[in-house]
């Protein structure tokens, strides 16, 4: 499976799962929001196991950059808060870091 698709799916699942807890605790939603939230977090964890690498830590480290970018899209699309230039600059730096981790030569 394509690593980029796995990472994007994992990011959406993790953010949605965490947002369910946020909605329950901070937005006053019912406790029933936790059920799809927990299921979403299980999907997130499963998807990260599909990354083509022999080290879990490397998969998680590279995923961090994708998660940050996805979080900013969530901020903009779901929460209607437009990321500022500092958000975009920080996310760009993180994506470069993720690419170095994923694509760096291993020997």
N, C-alpha and C. Protein backbone atom coordinates (compact mmCIF):
# COMPACT_ATOMS: atom_id res chain seq x y z
N UNK A 1 0.84 -1.18 0.00
CA UNK A 1 0.00 0.00 0.00
C UNK A 1 0.89 1.25 0.00
N UNK A 2 0.50 2.27 -0.69
CA UNK A 2 1.27 3.49 -0.81
C UNK A 2 1.40 4.18 0.55
N UNK A 3 2.62 4.45 0.96
CA UNK A 3 2.89 5.04 2.27
C UNK A 3 2.18 6.38 2.45
N UNK A 4 2.14 7.20 1.42
CA UNK A 4 1.48 8.50 1.53
C UNK A 4 0.00 8.34 1.86
N UNK A 5 -0.67 7.40 1.20
CA UNK A 5 -2.09 7.17 1.48
C UNK A 5 -2.31 6.64 2.89
N UNK A 6 -1.41 5.77 3.34
CA UNK A 6 -1.51 5.24 4.70
C UNK A 6 -1.36 6.37 5.71
N UNK A 7 -0.37 7.22 5.50
CA UNK A 7 -0.15 8.33 6.43
C UNK A 7 -1.33 9.30 6.44
N UNK A 8 -1.86 9.62 5.30
CA UNK A 8 -3.01 10.55 5.25
C UNK A 8 -4.22 9.91 5.93
N UNK A 9 -4.48 8.64 5.65
CA UNK A 9 -5.59 7.96 6.32
C UNK A 9 -5.40 7.90 7.82
N UNK A 10 -4.17 7.61 8.25
CA UNK A 10 -3.88 7.56 9.68
C UNK A 10 -4.08 8.93 10.32
N UNK A 11 -3.66 9.97 9.64
CA UNK A 11 -3.81 11.32 10.19
C UNK A 11 -5.27 11.69 10.35
N UNK A 12 -6.07 11.41 9.34
CA UNK A 12 -7.51 11.71 9.44
C UNK A 12 -8.13 10.91 10.58
N UNK A 13 -7.78 9.64 10.68
CA UNK A 13 -8.34 8.81 11.74
C UNK A 13 -7.92 9.30 13.13
N UNK A 14 -6.64 9.66 13.27
CA UNK A 14 -6.17 10.13 14.58
C UNK A 14 -6.81 11.47 14.96
N UNK A 15 -6.85 12.40 14.02
CA UNK A 15 -7.42 13.71 14.32
C UNK A 15 -8.91 13.58 14.63
N UNK A 16 -9.62 12.78 13.86
CA UNK A 16 -11.05 12.60 14.12
C UNK A 16 -11.28 11.95 15.48
N UNK A 17 -10.47 10.96 15.81
CA UNK A 17 -10.61 10.30 17.10
C UNK A 17 -10.33 11.24 18.26
N UNK A 18 -9.26 12.00 18.14
CA UNK A 18 -8.93 12.96 19.19
C UNK A 18 -9.96 14.07 19.27
N UNK A 19 -10.48 14.49 18.12
CA UNK A 19 -11.50 15.54 18.12
C UNK A 19 -12.77 15.07 18.82
N UNK A 20 -13.08 13.79 18.73
CA UNK A 20 -14.26 13.26 19.43
C UNK A 20 -14.11 13.47 20.94
N UNK A 21 -12.91 13.24 21.46
CA UNK A 21 -12.67 13.50 22.89
C UNK A 21 -12.74 14.99 23.18
N UNK A 22 -12.18 15.80 22.31
CA UNK A 22 -12.23 17.25 22.45
C UNK A 22 -13.68 17.71 22.49
N UNK A 23 -14.49 17.20 21.56
CA UNK A 23 -15.90 17.59 21.49
C UNK A 23 -16.64 17.22 22.76
N UNK A 24 -16.33 16.05 23.29
CA UNK A 24 -16.99 15.61 24.53
C UNK A 24 -16.56 16.47 25.72
N UNK A 25 -15.25 16.66 25.87
CA UNK A 25 -14.75 17.37 27.05
C UNK A 25 -14.80 18.89 26.94
N UNK A 26 -14.63 19.44 25.75
CA UNK A 26 -14.52 20.89 25.62
C UNK A 26 -15.73 21.54 24.97
N UNK A 27 -16.48 20.78 24.18
CA UNK A 27 -17.61 21.37 23.47
C UNK A 27 -18.96 20.90 24.02
N UNK A 28 -18.94 20.09 25.06
CA UNK A 28 -20.17 19.66 25.70
C UNK A 28 -20.98 18.63 24.94
N UNK A 29 -20.35 17.92 24.02
CA UNK A 29 -21.06 16.86 23.29
C UNK A 29 -21.29 15.67 24.23
N UNK A 30 -22.20 14.79 23.85
CA UNK A 30 -22.52 13.64 24.70
C UNK A 30 -21.36 12.65 24.72
N UNK A 31 -21.37 11.80 25.71
CA UNK A 31 -20.32 10.78 25.85
C UNK A 31 -20.33 9.81 24.68
N UNK A 32 -21.41 9.74 23.95
CA UNK A 32 -21.50 8.84 22.79
C UNK A 32 -20.53 9.23 21.68
N UNK A 33 -20.02 10.43 21.72
CA UNK A 33 -19.00 10.84 20.76
C UNK A 33 -17.74 10.01 20.92
N UNK A 34 -17.55 9.42 22.10
CA UNK A 34 -16.34 8.65 22.34
C UNK A 34 -16.31 7.34 21.58
N UNK A 35 -17.46 6.75 21.31
CA UNK A 35 -17.49 5.47 20.60
C UNK A 35 -16.85 5.57 19.21
N UNK A 36 -17.31 6.47 18.34
CA UNK A 36 -16.62 6.57 17.06
C UNK A 36 -15.19 7.10 17.22
N UNK A 37 -14.96 7.88 18.26
CA UNK A 37 -13.61 8.38 18.51
C UNK A 37 -12.63 7.26 18.79
N UNK A 38 -13.02 6.34 19.66
CA UNK A 38 -12.15 5.20 19.99
C UNK A 38 -11.96 4.31 18.76
N UNK A 39 -13.01 4.06 18.03
CA UNK A 39 -12.90 3.25 16.81
C UNK A 39 -11.95 3.91 15.80
N UNK A 40 -12.05 5.21 15.69
CA UNK A 40 -11.17 5.94 14.79
C UNK A 40 -9.71 5.83 15.22
N UNK A 41 -9.46 5.87 16.52
CA UNK A 41 -8.09 5.73 17.02
C UNK A 41 -7.54 4.32 16.79
N UNK A 42 -8.41 3.32 16.84
CA UNK A 42 -7.99 1.95 16.53
C UNK A 42 -7.59 1.86 15.05
N UNK A 43 -8.38 2.46 14.17
CA UNK A 43 -8.05 2.48 12.74
C UNK A 43 -6.71 3.19 12.53
N UNK A 44 -6.51 4.29 13.21
CA UNK A 44 -5.24 5.02 13.13
C UNK A 44 -4.06 4.11 13.46
N UNK A 45 -4.15 3.43 14.59
CA UNK A 45 -3.05 2.56 15.03
C UNK A 45 -2.81 1.44 14.01
N UNK A 46 -3.88 0.86 13.51
CA UNK A 46 -3.75 -0.20 12.52
C UNK A 46 -3.06 0.31 11.26
N UNK A 47 -3.49 1.47 10.77
CA UNK A 47 -2.92 1.99 9.53
C UNK A 47 -1.42 2.22 9.64
N UNK A 48 -0.95 2.67 10.78
CA UNK A 48 0.49 2.89 10.91
C UNK A 48 1.29 1.59 10.81
N UNK A 49 0.66 0.46 11.10
CA UNK A 49 1.38 -0.81 10.97
C UNK A 49 1.58 -1.20 9.50
N UNK A 50 0.90 -0.52 8.59
CA UNK A 50 1.00 -0.83 7.16
C UNK A 50 2.15 -0.09 6.46
N UNK A 51 2.80 0.81 7.17
CA UNK A 51 3.90 1.58 6.58
C UNK A 51 5.07 0.64 6.29
N UNK A 52 5.63 0.80 5.10
CA UNK A 52 6.73 -0.05 4.64
C UNK A 52 8.06 0.38 5.28
N UNK A 53 8.29 -0.06 6.49
CA UNK A 53 9.56 0.19 7.16
C UNK A 53 9.79 -0.92 8.17
N UNK A 54 11.04 -1.15 8.52
CA UNK A 54 11.33 -2.21 9.48
C UNK A 54 11.41 -1.69 10.92
N UNK A 55 11.17 -0.39 11.11
CA UNK A 55 11.28 0.19 12.45
C UNK A 55 10.05 1.05 12.75
N UNK A 56 9.34 0.68 13.80
CA UNK A 56 8.13 1.42 14.17
C UNK A 56 8.44 2.87 14.47
N UNK A 57 9.52 3.12 15.18
CA UNK A 57 9.88 4.49 15.53
C UNK A 57 10.08 5.38 14.31
N UNK A 58 10.67 4.81 13.27
CA UNK A 58 10.87 5.58 12.03
C UNK A 58 9.54 5.89 11.37
N UNK A 59 8.64 4.92 11.37
CA UNK A 59 7.31 5.15 10.80
C UNK A 59 6.59 6.25 11.56
N UNK A 60 6.68 6.22 12.88
CA UNK A 60 6.00 7.22 13.71
C UNK A 60 6.64 8.59 13.53
N UNK A 61 7.95 8.65 13.46
CA UNK A 61 8.65 9.92 13.32
C UNK A 61 8.28 10.60 12.00
N UNK A 62 8.30 9.86 10.92
CA UNK A 62 7.96 10.43 9.62
C UNK A 62 6.48 10.82 9.59
N UNK A 63 5.65 10.04 10.23
CA UNK A 63 4.22 10.33 10.29
C UNK A 63 3.95 11.69 10.95
N UNK A 64 4.79 12.08 11.89
CA UNK A 64 4.60 13.34 12.60
C UNK A 64 4.45 14.53 11.67
N UNK A 65 5.24 14.59 10.62
CA UNK A 65 5.13 15.69 9.66
C UNK A 65 3.80 15.69 8.94
N UNK A 66 3.35 14.52 8.55
CA UNK A 66 2.06 14.39 7.86
C UNK A 66 0.93 14.79 8.81
N UNK A 67 1.04 14.37 10.06
CA UNK A 67 0.02 14.70 11.06
C UNK A 67 -0.11 16.21 11.25
N UNK A 68 1.01 16.89 11.28
CA UNK A 68 0.98 18.34 11.48
C UNK A 68 0.27 19.03 10.31
N UNK A 69 0.59 18.64 9.10
CA UNK A 69 -0.06 19.23 7.93
C UNK A 69 -1.56 18.91 7.95
N UNK A 70 -1.91 17.67 8.24
CA UNK A 70 -3.32 17.28 8.30
C UNK A 70 -4.07 18.06 9.39
N UNK A 71 -3.40 18.31 10.50
CA UNK A 71 -4.01 19.08 11.59
C UNK A 71 -4.34 20.50 11.14
N UNK A 72 -3.47 21.08 10.33
CA UNK A 72 -3.74 22.42 9.84
C UNK A 72 -4.90 22.43 8.84
N UNK A 73 -5.01 21.37 8.03
CA UNK A 73 -6.17 21.26 7.15
C UNK A 73 -7.45 21.10 7.97
N UNK A 74 -7.37 20.34 9.05
CA UNK A 74 -8.52 20.19 9.96
C UNK A 74 -8.89 21.54 10.56
N UNK A 75 -7.88 22.27 11.03
CA UNK A 75 -8.09 23.60 11.60
C UNK A 75 -8.86 24.49 10.63
N UNK A 76 -8.45 24.44 9.37
CA UNK A 76 -9.03 25.29 8.35
C UNK A 76 -10.40 24.77 7.90
N UNK A 77 -10.48 23.49 7.58
CA UNK A 77 -11.71 22.93 7.01
C UNK A 77 -12.82 22.65 8.01
N UNK A 78 -12.49 22.17 9.18
CA UNK A 78 -13.50 21.78 10.18
C UNK A 78 -13.74 22.89 11.18
N UNK A 79 -12.68 23.55 11.64
CA UNK A 79 -12.82 24.56 12.68
C UNK A 79 -12.91 25.98 12.12
N UNK A 80 -12.79 26.10 10.80
CA UNK A 80 -12.92 27.40 10.11
C UNK A 80 -11.92 28.45 10.61
N UNK A 81 -10.72 28.01 10.96
CA UNK A 81 -9.65 28.91 11.36
C UNK A 81 -8.53 28.76 10.32
N UNK A 82 -8.27 29.82 9.61
CA UNK A 82 -7.27 29.75 8.55
C UNK A 82 -5.86 29.76 9.14
N UNK A 83 -5.03 28.78 8.75
CA UNK A 83 -3.64 28.76 9.22
C UNK A 83 -2.91 30.04 8.77
N UNK A 84 -2.04 30.54 9.63
CA UNK A 84 -1.28 31.72 9.25
C UNK A 84 0.07 31.31 8.66
N UNK A 85 0.87 32.28 8.31
CA UNK A 85 2.15 31.99 7.64
C UNK A 85 3.08 31.19 8.52
N UNK A 86 2.99 31.36 9.83
CA UNK A 86 3.85 30.62 10.74
C UNK A 86 3.42 29.15 10.82
N UNK A 87 2.13 28.92 10.75
CA UNK A 87 1.63 27.54 10.69
C UNK A 87 2.16 26.85 9.43
N UNK A 88 2.04 27.55 8.31
CA UNK A 88 2.47 26.98 7.02
C UNK A 88 3.98 26.77 7.00
N UNK A 89 4.73 27.73 7.53
CA UNK A 89 6.19 27.59 7.57
C UNK A 89 6.59 26.40 8.44
N UNK A 90 6.00 26.28 9.61
CA UNK A 90 6.32 25.17 10.50
C UNK A 90 5.96 23.83 9.90
N UNK A 91 4.79 23.76 9.26
CA UNK A 91 4.37 22.51 8.62
C UNK A 91 5.31 22.14 7.48
N UNK A 92 5.78 23.13 6.73
CA UNK A 92 6.71 22.87 5.63
C UNK A 92 8.02 22.29 6.15
N UNK A 93 8.52 22.85 7.22
CA UNK A 93 9.74 22.33 7.83
C UNK A 93 9.54 20.88 8.27
N UNK A 94 8.39 20.60 8.86
CA UNK A 94 8.10 19.24 9.33
C UNK A 94 8.00 18.26 8.16
N UNK A 95 7.40 18.69 7.05
CA UNK A 95 7.32 17.81 5.87
C UNK A 95 8.71 17.50 5.31
N UNK A 96 9.57 18.49 5.32
CA UNK A 96 10.94 18.24 4.87
C UNK A 96 11.60 17.22 5.79
N UNK A 97 11.41 17.36 7.08
CA UNK A 97 11.95 16.39 8.04
C UNK A 97 11.40 15.00 7.81
N UNK A 98 10.10 14.91 7.56
CA UNK A 98 9.49 13.60 7.31
C UNK A 98 10.08 12.96 6.05
N UNK A 99 10.29 13.77 5.02
CA UNK A 99 10.86 13.25 3.77
C UNK A 99 12.29 12.74 4.00
N UNK A 100 13.07 13.47 4.79
CA UNK A 100 14.44 13.02 5.09
C UNK A 100 14.40 11.68 5.81
N UNK A 101 13.51 11.56 6.77
CA UNK A 101 13.41 10.29 7.53
C UNK A 101 12.98 9.14 6.62
N UNK A 102 11.96 9.38 5.80
CA UNK A 102 11.43 8.31 4.94
C UNK A 102 12.36 7.95 3.78
N UNK A 103 12.96 8.96 3.16
CA UNK A 103 13.67 8.73 1.91
C UNK A 103 15.18 8.68 2.05
N UNK A 104 15.69 8.96 3.24
CA UNK A 104 17.14 8.93 3.43
C UNK A 104 17.72 7.55 3.18
N UNK A 105 18.92 7.51 2.59
CA UNK A 105 19.53 6.22 2.31
C UNK A 105 19.87 5.47 3.61
N UNK A 106 19.58 4.21 3.62
CA UNK A 106 19.89 3.36 4.78
C UNK A 106 20.94 2.36 4.34
N UNK A 107 21.90 2.13 5.17
CA UNK A 107 22.94 1.23 4.74
C UNK A 107 23.41 0.39 5.84
